[in-house]
Amino acid sequence: MKGNIDQLINNLNDLGRSWATYGLTMGKAALETSANTLKNTAQFLGDVSTKINTKPTTEPTADETPQQ
């Protein structure tokens, strides 16, 4: 009887470790995906900021000058 209880306890410990490993692996994957998404978003926002602050390289022609 004692051997059966010890085996049950070992099996439950193994099962618990398996679930913990699975949960931690999934959590790691989710965080990595979120980090990559944030990195791409930050890069995009930086690119937009650069484009907004970049002045045109040519002066507007008379046709393009706003009329007042």
N, C-alpha and C. Protein backbone atom coordinates (compact mmCIF):
# COMPACT_ATOMS: atom_id res chain seq x y z
N MET A 1 0.81 -1.19 0.00
CA MET A 1 0.00 0.00 0.00
C MET A 1 0.86 1.26 0.00
N LYS A 2 1.91 1.24 0.82
CA LYS A 2 2.80 2.40 0.89
C LYS A 2 3.43 2.68 -0.47
N GLY A 3 3.79 1.62 -1.21
CA GLY A 3 4.38 1.78 -2.54
C GLY A 3 3.42 2.42 -3.51
N ASN A 4 2.12 2.08 -3.41
CA ASN A 4 1.11 2.67 -4.29
C ASN A 4 0.94 4.16 -4.01
N ILE A 5 0.94 4.53 -2.73
CA ILE A 5 0.81 5.94 -2.36
C ILE A 5 2.03 6.72 -2.83
N ASP A 6 3.21 6.16 -2.64
CA ASP A 6 4.43 6.84 -3.11
C ASP A 6 4.41 7.02 -4.62
N GLN A 7 3.95 5.99 -5.34
CA GLN A 7 3.86 6.07 -6.80
C GLN A 7 2.86 7.14 -7.22
N LEU A 8 1.72 7.20 -6.52
CA LEU A 8 0.71 8.22 -6.81
C LEU A 8 1.28 9.62 -6.59
N ILE A 9 1.99 9.79 -5.49
CA ILE A 9 2.59 11.09 -5.20
C ILE A 9 3.61 11.46 -6.27
N ASN A 10 4.44 10.51 -6.68
CA ASN A 10 5.42 10.77 -7.74
C ASN A 10 4.73 11.12 -9.05
N ASN A 11 3.67 10.41 -9.38
CA ASN A 11 2.93 10.70 -10.61
C ASN A 11 2.30 12.09 -10.58
N LEU A 12 1.74 12.46 -9.44
CA LEU A 12 1.16 13.80 -9.30
C LEU A 12 2.22 14.89 -9.40
N ASN A 13 3.39 14.63 -8.80
CA ASN A 13 4.49 15.59 -8.92
C ASN A 13 4.93 15.74 -10.37
N ASP A 14 5.04 14.61 -11.07
CA ASP A 14 5.41 14.66 -12.49
C ASP A 14 4.38 15.42 -13.31
N LEU A 15 3.12 15.16 -13.05
CA LEU A 15 2.05 15.85 -13.75
C LEU A 15 2.09 17.36 -13.48
N GLY A 16 2.29 17.71 -12.22
CA GLY A 16 2.39 19.13 -11.86
C GLY A 16 3.56 19.81 -12.54
N ARG A 17 4.70 19.13 -12.59
CA ARG A 17 5.87 19.70 -13.28
C ARG A 17 5.61 19.85 -14.77
N SER A 18 4.92 18.87 -15.35
CA SER A 18 4.60 18.94 -16.78
C SER A 18 3.72 20.15 -17.09
N TRP A 19 2.68 20.34 -16.27
CA TRP A 19 1.79 21.48 -16.47
C TRP A 19 2.52 22.80 -16.23
N ALA A 20 3.38 22.84 -15.24
CA ALA A 20 4.14 24.07 -14.97
C ALA A 20 5.06 24.38 -16.14
N THR A 21 5.73 23.37 -16.66
CA THR A 21 6.61 23.57 -17.81
C THR A 21 5.82 24.06 -19.02
N TYR A 22 4.67 23.45 -19.26
CA TYR A 22 3.82 23.86 -20.37
C TYR A 22 3.38 25.32 -20.21
N GLY A 23 2.90 25.67 -19.03
CA GLY A 23 2.45 27.04 -18.78
C GLY A 23 3.57 28.06 -18.93
N LEU A 24 4.73 27.73 -18.41
CA LEU A 24 5.86 28.65 -18.53
C LEU A 24 6.32 28.79 -19.98
N THR A 25 6.29 27.69 -20.72
CA THR A 25 6.67 27.75 -22.13
C THR A 25 5.70 28.61 -22.93
N MET A 26 4.41 28.44 -22.67
CA MET A 26 3.40 29.25 -23.36
C MET A 26 3.51 30.72 -22.96
N GLY A 27 3.75 30.98 -21.69
CA GLY A 27 3.94 32.35 -21.23
C GLY A 27 5.14 33.00 -21.89
N LYS A 28 6.22 32.26 -22.00
CA LYS A 28 7.43 32.77 -22.66
C LYS A 28 7.13 33.11 -24.11
N ALA A 29 6.44 32.21 -24.81
CA ALA A 29 6.10 32.44 -26.22
C ALA A 29 5.22 33.67 -26.37
N ALA A 30 4.24 33.83 -25.48
CA ALA A 30 3.35 34.99 -25.54
C ALA A 30 4.12 36.29 -25.31
N LEU A 31 5.02 36.28 -24.35
CA LEU A 31 5.81 37.49 -24.08
C LEU A 31 6.74 37.82 -25.23
N GLU A 32 7.34 36.80 -25.84
CA GLU A 32 8.22 37.03 -26.98
C GLU A 32 7.44 37.61 -28.16
N THR A 33 6.24 37.08 -28.39
CA THR A 33 5.40 37.60 -29.47
C THR A 33 5.03 39.06 -29.20
N SER A 34 4.64 39.36 -27.97
CA SER A 34 4.29 40.73 -27.60
C SER A 34 5.49 41.66 -27.75
N ALA A 35 6.66 41.19 -27.35
CA ALA A 35 7.87 42.01 -27.46
C ALA A 35 8.18 42.30 -28.93
N ASN A 36 8.04 41.31 -29.79
CA ASN A 36 8.30 41.54 -31.22
C ASN A 36 7.29 42.51 -31.81
N THR A 37 6.02 42.38 -31.40
CA THR A 37 5.00 43.30 -31.88
C THR A 37 5.30 44.73 -31.43
N LEU A 38 5.68 44.88 -30.18
CA LEU A 38 6.02 46.22 -29.68
C LEU A 38 7.25 46.78 -30.37
N LYS A 39 8.23 45.94 -30.64
CA LYS A 39 9.44 46.38 -31.35
C LYS A 39 9.08 46.88 -32.75
N ASN A 40 8.25 46.13 -33.46
CA ASN A 40 7.84 46.53 -34.81
C ASN A 40 7.02 47.81 -34.77
N THR A 41 6.15 47.94 -33.78
CA THR A 41 5.34 49.16 -33.66
C THR A 41 6.23 50.36 -33.35
N ALA A 42 7.18 50.18 -32.47
CA ALA A 42 8.10 51.27 -32.13
C ALA A 42 8.91 51.69 -33.36
N GLN A 43 9.37 50.72 -34.14
CA GLN A 43 10.12 51.03 -35.36
C GLN A 43 9.25 51.81 -36.34
N PHE A 44 8.00 51.38 -36.50
CA PHE A 44 7.08 52.07 -37.40
C PHE A 44 6.84 53.51 -36.94
N LEU A 45 6.61 53.69 -35.64
CA LEU A 45 6.40 55.05 -35.12
C LEU A 45 7.63 55.92 -35.32
N GLY A 46 8.81 55.34 -35.14
CA GLY A 46 10.04 56.09 -35.39
C GLY A 46 10.16 56.50 -36.85
N ASP A 47 9.80 55.60 -37.75
CA ASP A 47 9.84 55.91 -39.18
C ASP A 47 8.86 57.02 -39.53
N VAL A 48 7.66 56.95 -38.96
CA VAL A 48 6.66 58.00 -39.21
C VAL A 48 7.17 59.33 -38.68
N SER A 49 7.76 59.33 -37.50
CA SER A 49 8.29 60.56 -36.92
C SER A 49 9.37 61.16 -37.81
N THR A 50 10.24 60.31 -38.32
CA THR A 50 11.31 60.78 -39.20
C THR A 50 10.73 61.39 -40.47
N LYS A 51 9.74 60.73 -41.05
CA LYS A 51 9.13 61.25 -42.28
C LYS A 51 8.41 62.57 -42.04
N ILE A 52 7.76 62.69 -40.89
CA ILE A 52 7.06 63.94 -40.58
C ILE A 52 8.04 65.09 -40.43
N ASN A 53 9.19 64.83 -39.84
CA ASN A 53 10.16 65.89 -39.57
C ASN A 53 11.14 66.12 -40.70
N THR A 54 11.05 65.37 -41.77
CA THR A 54 11.94 65.55 -42.90
C THR A 54 11.38 66.64 -43.80
N LYS A 55 12.20 67.66 -44.06
CA LYS A 55 11.77 68.76 -44.92
C LYS A 55 11.96 68.34 -46.37
N PRO A 56 11.11 68.87 -47.25
CA PRO A 56 11.29 68.56 -48.67
C PRO A 56 12.65 69.04 -49.16
N THR A 57 13.24 68.32 -50.10
CA THR A 57 14.56 68.69 -50.60
C THR A 57 14.50 69.77 -51.65
N THR A 58 13.32 70.05 -52.21
CA THR A 58 13.18 71.09 -53.23
C THR A 58 12.20 72.14 -52.74
N GLU A 59 12.39 73.34 -53.21
CA GLU A 59 11.47 74.43 -52.89
C GLU A 59 10.25 74.31 -53.80
N PRO A 60 9.09 74.67 -53.31
CA PRO A 60 7.91 74.61 -54.16
C PRO A 60 8.04 75.59 -55.32
N THR A 61 7.54 75.20 -56.47
CA THR A 61 7.55 76.08 -57.63
C THR A 61 6.40 77.08 -57.50
N ALA A 62 6.35 78.04 -58.41
CA ALA A 62 5.28 79.04 -58.37
C ALA A 62 3.92 78.39 -58.46
N ASP A 63 3.84 77.30 -59.23
CA ASP A 63 2.56 76.60 -59.37
C ASP A 63 2.13 75.95 -58.06
N GLU A 64 3.11 75.56 -57.21
CA GLU A 64 2.81 74.86 -55.98
C GLU A 64 2.69 75.78 -54.77
N THR A 65 3.04 77.06 -54.94
CA THR A 65 3.01 77.99 -53.82
C THR A 65 1.56 78.28 -53.46
N PRO A 66 1.21 78.15 -52.18
CA PRO A 66 -0.19 78.43 -51.79
C PRO A 66 -0.55 79.89 -52.04
N GLN A 67 -1.74 80.13 -52.52
CA GLN A 67 -2.25 81.47 -52.77
C GLN A 67 -2.94 81.99 -51.52
N GLN A 68 -2.74 83.24 -51.23
CA GLN A 68 -3.38 83.82 -50.04
C GLN A 68 -4.49 84.75 -50.43
